[in-house]
C-alpha atoms as a PDB file:
ATOM      1  CA  MET A   1     -22.973  11.230 -23.710  1.00  0.00           C
ATOM      2  CA  LEU A   2     -24.067  13.563 -20.873  1.00  0.00           C
ATOM      3  CA  THR A   3     -24.680  17.116 -22.165  1.00  0.00           C
ATOM      4  CA  ASP A   4     -24.008  20.363 -20.839  1.00  0.00           C
ATOM      5  CA  ALA A   5     -27.757  21.266 -20.466  1.00  0.00           C
ATOM      6  CA  GLN A   6     -27.776  17.918 -17.977  1.00  0.00           C
ATOM      7  CA  VAL A   7     -27.895  18.845 -14.468  1.00  0.00           C
ATOM      8  CA  VAL A   8     -26.237  16.142 -12.090  1.00  0.00           C
ATOM      9  CA  ASP A   9     -27.213  15.756  -8.664  1.00  0.00           C
ATOM     10  CA  VAL A  10     -26.230  13.306  -6.186  1.00  0.00           C
ATOM     11  CA  ILE A  11     -27.795  13.510  -2.778  1.00  0.00           C
ATOM     12  CA  ASP A  12     -28.171  11.231   0.168  1.00  0.00           C
ATOM     13  CA  ASN A  13     -31.316   9.838   0.632  1.00  0.00           C
ATOM     14  CA  ALA A  14     -30.772   8.531   4.338  1.00  0.00           C
ATOM     15  CA  ASP A  15     -34.742   7.229   4.664  1.00  0.00           C
ATOM     16  CA  GLN A  16     -33.851   4.955   1.873  1.00  0.00           C
ATOM     17  CA  ASN A  17     -30.026   4.382   2.841  1.00  0.00           C
ATOM     18  CA  ARG A  18     -28.917   5.054  -0.369  1.00  0.00           C
ATOM     19  CA  PHE A  19     -27.232   7.679  -2.476  1.00  0.00           C
ATOM     20  CA  GLU A  20     -29.142   8.830  -5.301  1.00  0.00           C
ATOM     21  CA  LEU A  21     -27.885   9.920  -8.865  1.00  0.00           C
ATOM     22  CA  ARG A  22     -30.394  12.308 -10.555  1.00  0.00           C
ATOM     23  CA  LEU A  23     -29.915  13.591 -13.831  1.00  0.00           C
ATOM     24  CA  SER A  24     -32.140  16.665 -14.735  1.00  0.00           C
ATOM     25  CA  GLY A  25     -34.246  15.553 -11.550  1.00  0.00           C
ATOM     26  CA  ASP A  26     -34.840  12.032 -12.813  1.00  0.00           C
ATOM     27  CA  LEU A  27     -33.341   9.308 -10.687  1.00  0.00           C
ATOM     28  CA  VAL A  28     -31.171   7.205 -12.906  1.00  0.00           C
ATOM     29  CA  GLY A  29     -28.837   5.404 -10.431  1.00  0.00           C
ATOM     30  CA  ILE A  30     -28.334   4.440  -6.433  1.00  0.00           C
ATOM     31  CA  LEU A  31     -25.805   3.234  -4.033  1.00  0.00           C
ATOM     32  CA  GLY A  32     -27.377   1.714  -1.124  1.00  0.00           C
ATOM     33  CA  TYR A  33     -25.496   1.996   2.028  1.00  0.00           C
ATOM     34  CA  PHE A  34     -25.890  -0.154   5.482  1.00  0.00           C
ATOM     35  CA  ALA A  35     -27.704   2.126   7.799  1.00  0.00           C
ATOM     36  CA  PHE A  36     -25.758   2.088  11.423  1.00  0.00           C
ATOM     37  CA  ALA A  37     -27.479   2.411  14.669  1.00  0.00           C
ATOM     38  CA  ASP A  38     -26.377   5.746  15.459  1.00  0.00           C
ATOM     39  CA  ALA A  39     -26.567   7.862  12.512  1.00  0.00           C
ATOM     40  CA  PRO A  40     -25.811  11.707  12.536  1.00  0.00           C
ATOM     41  CA  PRO A  41     -29.225  13.524  11.900  1.00  0.00           C
ATOM     42  CA  GLY A  42     -29.637  15.105   8.677  1.00  0.00           C
ATOM     43  CA  ALA A  43     -29.667  14.277   5.106  1.00  0.00           C
ATOM     44  CA  GLY A  44     -30.460  15.304   1.346  1.00  0.00           C
ATOM     45  CA  ALA A  45     -26.939  17.371   0.974  1.00  0.00           C
ATOM     46  CA  GLY A  46     -26.325  17.539  -2.697  1.00  0.00           C
ATOM     47  CA  VAL A  47     -22.612  17.072  -3.728  1.00  0.00           C
ATOM     48  CA  GLY A  48     -22.113  21.364  -4.848  1.00  0.00           C
ATOM     49  CA  VAL A  49     -23.528  22.245  -1.204  1.00  0.00           C
ATOM     50  CA  VAL A  50     -22.508  21.735   2.466  1.00  0.00           C
ATOM     51  CA  ALA A  51     -23.512  18.580   3.820  1.00  0.00           C
ATOM     52  CA  ALA A  52     -26.550  18.682   6.048  1.00  0.00           C
ATOM     53  CA  ARG A  53     -25.046  15.840   8.183  1.00  0.00           C
ATOM     54  CA  PRO A  54     -22.530  16.966  10.395  1.00  0.00           C
ATOM     55  CA  PRO A  55     -19.089  15.023  10.540  1.00  0.00           C
ATOM     56  CA  GLY A  56     -19.510  12.187  13.621  1.00  0.00           C
ATOM     57  CA  PRO A  57     -17.457  13.481  16.330  1.00  0.00           C
ATOM     58  CA  LYS A  58     -14.223  11.447  16.303  1.00  0.00           C
ATOM     59  CA  GLY A  59     -12.892  12.981  19.728  1.00  0.00           C
ATOM     60  CA  ARG A  60     -10.545  11.318  22.270  1.00  0.00           C
ATOM     61  CA  GLY A  61     -11.753   7.509  21.912  1.00  0.00           C
ATOM     62  CA  ARG A  62     -14.287   7.773  19.383  1.00  0.00           C
ATOM     63  CA  GLN A  63     -13.594   6.194  16.008  1.00  0.00           C
ATOM     64  CA  ALA A  64     -15.255   7.282  12.605  1.00  0.00           C
ATOM     65  CA  PRO A  65     -18.444   5.384  12.115  1.00  0.00           C
ATOM     66  CA  VAL A  66     -18.032   2.415   9.622  1.00  0.00           C
ATOM     67  CA  VAL A  67     -20.882   2.607   6.555  1.00  0.00           C
ATOM     68  CA  SER A  68     -20.902  -0.594   3.731  1.00  0.00           C
ATOM     69  CA  PHE A  69     -21.125   0.577   0.292  1.00  0.00           C
ATOM     70  CA  MET A  70     -23.463  -2.339  -0.571  1.00  0.00           C
ATOM     71  CA  HIS A  71     -24.493  -2.073  -3.918  1.00  0.00           C
ATOM     72  CA  THR A  72     -24.438   0.282  -7.053  1.00  0.00           C
ATOM     73  CA  VAL A  73     -27.260   0.426  -9.658  1.00  0.00           C
ATOM     74  CA  ILE A  74     -27.878   2.661 -12.979  1.00  0.00           C
ATOM     75  CA  VAL A  75     -30.879   2.383 -14.728  1.00  0.00           C
ATOM     76  CA  GLU A  76     -30.226   0.263 -18.226  1.00  0.00           C
ATOM     77  CA  ASP A  77     -31.248   3.075 -20.635  1.00  0.00           C
ATOM     78  CA  PHE A  78     -28.145   5.469 -18.584  1.00  0.00           C
ATOM     79  CA  GLY A  79     -25.618   2.539 -19.137  1.00  0.00           C
ATOM     80  CA  HIS A  80     -22.304   3.282 -20.247  1.00  0.00           C
ATOM     81  CA  ARG A  81     -22.108   7.066 -19.776  1.00  0.00           C
ATOM     82  CA  GLY A  82     -19.648   7.047 -16.657  1.00  0.00           C
ATOM     83  CA  LEU A  83     -22.473   7.744 -14.810  1.00  0.00           C
ATOM     84  CA  ALA A  84     -21.672   4.868 -12.001  1.00  0.00           C
ATOM     85  CA  ALA A  85     -18.114   6.245 -11.424  1.00  0.00           C
ATOM     86  CA  LEU A  86     -19.392   9.678 -10.881  1.00  0.00           C
ATOM     87  CA  MET A  87     -22.189   8.985  -8.144  1.00  0.00           C
ATOM     88  CA  VAL A  88     -19.541   6.711  -6.673  1.00  0.00           C
ATOM     89  CA  GLY A  89     -17.217   9.350  -6.402  1.00  0.00           C
ATOM     90  CA  ARG A  90     -19.654  11.777  -4.945  1.00  0.00           C
ATOM     91  CA  SER A  91     -20.798   9.384  -2.833  1.00  0.00           C
ATOM     92  CA  LEU A  92     -17.214   9.072  -1.353  1.00  0.00           C
ATOM     93  CA  ASP A  93     -16.657  12.725  -1.059  1.00  0.00           C
ATOM     94  CA  LEU A  94     -20.149  12.940   1.171  1.00  0.00           C
ATOM     95  CA  ALA A  95     -18.829  10.141   3.111  1.00  0.00           C
ATOM     96  CA  ARG A  96     -15.555  12.142   3.966  1.00  0.00           C
ATOM     97  CA  GLY A  97     -17.515  14.948   4.496  1.00  0.00           C
ATOM     98  CA  TYR A  98     -19.760  13.444   7.225  1.00  0.00           C
ATOM     99  CA  GLY A  99     -16.536  11.719   8.850  1.00  0.00           C
ATOM    100  CA  TRP A 100     -17.611   8.176   7.613  1.00  0.00           C
ATOM    101  CA  LYS A 101     -15.227   5.369   7.131  1.00  0.00           C
ATOM    102  CA  VAL A 102     -16.487   3.017   4.108  1.00  0.00           C
ATOM    103  CA  ARG A 103     -16.640  -0.571   3.926  1.00  0.00           C
ATOM    104  CA  PRO A 104     -16.827  -1.529   0.088  1.00  0.00           C
ATOM    105  CA  VAL A 105     -18.715  -4.419  -0.025  1.00  0.00           C
ATOM    106  CA  CYS A 106     -20.017  -3.639  -3.526  1.00  0.00           C
ATOM    107  CA  THR A 107     -17.350  -4.843  -6.050  1.00  0.00           C
ATOM    108  CA  TYR A 108     -18.001  -1.822  -8.558  1.00  0.00           C
ATOM    109  CA  VAL A 109     -16.895   0.249  -5.402  1.00  0.00           C
ATOM    110  CA  GLN A 110     -14.147  -1.938  -4.448  1.00  0.00           C
ATOM    111  CA  ARG A 111     -12.589  -1.757  -8.039  1.00  0.00           C
ATOM    112  CA  PHE A 112     -13.473   2.615  -8.172  1.00  0.00           C
ATOM    113  CA  VAL A 113     -11.287   2.762  -4.985  1.00  0.00           C
ATOM    114  CA  SER A 114      -8.724   0.620  -6.332  1.00  0.00           C
ATOM    115  CA  ALA A 115      -8.622   3.023  -9.311  1.00  0.00           C
ATOM    116  CA  HIS A 116      -8.745   6.360  -7.551  1.00  0.00           C
ATOM    117  CA  PRO A 117      -6.188   6.198  -4.762  1.00  0.00           C
ATOM    118  CA  GLU A 118      -7.558   9.329  -3.192  1.00  0.00           C
ATOM    119  CA  TYR A 119      -9.920   7.640  -1.568  1.00  0.00           C
ATOM    120  CA  ARG A 120      -8.243   4.942  -0.101  1.00  0.00           C
ATOM    121  CA  ASP A 121      -8.024   6.873   3.219  1.00  0.00           C
ATOM    122  CA  LEU A 122     -11.768   6.185   3.922  1.00  0.00           C
ATOM    123  CA  VAL A 123     -11.811   2.430   3.307  1.00  0.00           C
ATOM    124  CA  VAL A 124     -11.834  -0.285   5.869  1.00  0.00           C
ATOM    125  CA  PRO A 125     -11.482  -4.083   4.672  1.00  0.00           C
ATOM    126  CA  VAL A 126     -14.559  -6.002   3.994  1.00  0.00           C
ATOM    127  CA  GLU A 127     -14.533  -9.064   6.450  1.00  0.00           C
ATOM    128  CA  GLY A 128     -15.129 -12.442   5.609  1.00  0.00           C
END
């Protein structure tokens, strides 16, 4: 169970193509995403602050970038505490702020979006 004293942050580590879940500074989870060729500059924005990446331009004829959420991993010692759901939700919030559309390749992300209709507008179907 999380305590009030623990600080939970989800940041975008664009250099590693992943969102990171940090619990009181310790890395306890990642959500890897597929880096697209024309990624907007900037990274490292926590959920409680303004995103460093500007939303992608979606002007006339320009579509939102599609980013594949590939896999979700939580360190075993921190499992069964709801941290994966917290990380996925905050990662989707960051994606929305960046102007991304999300392709949920990860089955955990697929189940999360099915259970949380407020994120369905971000989702594009997985091809295959």
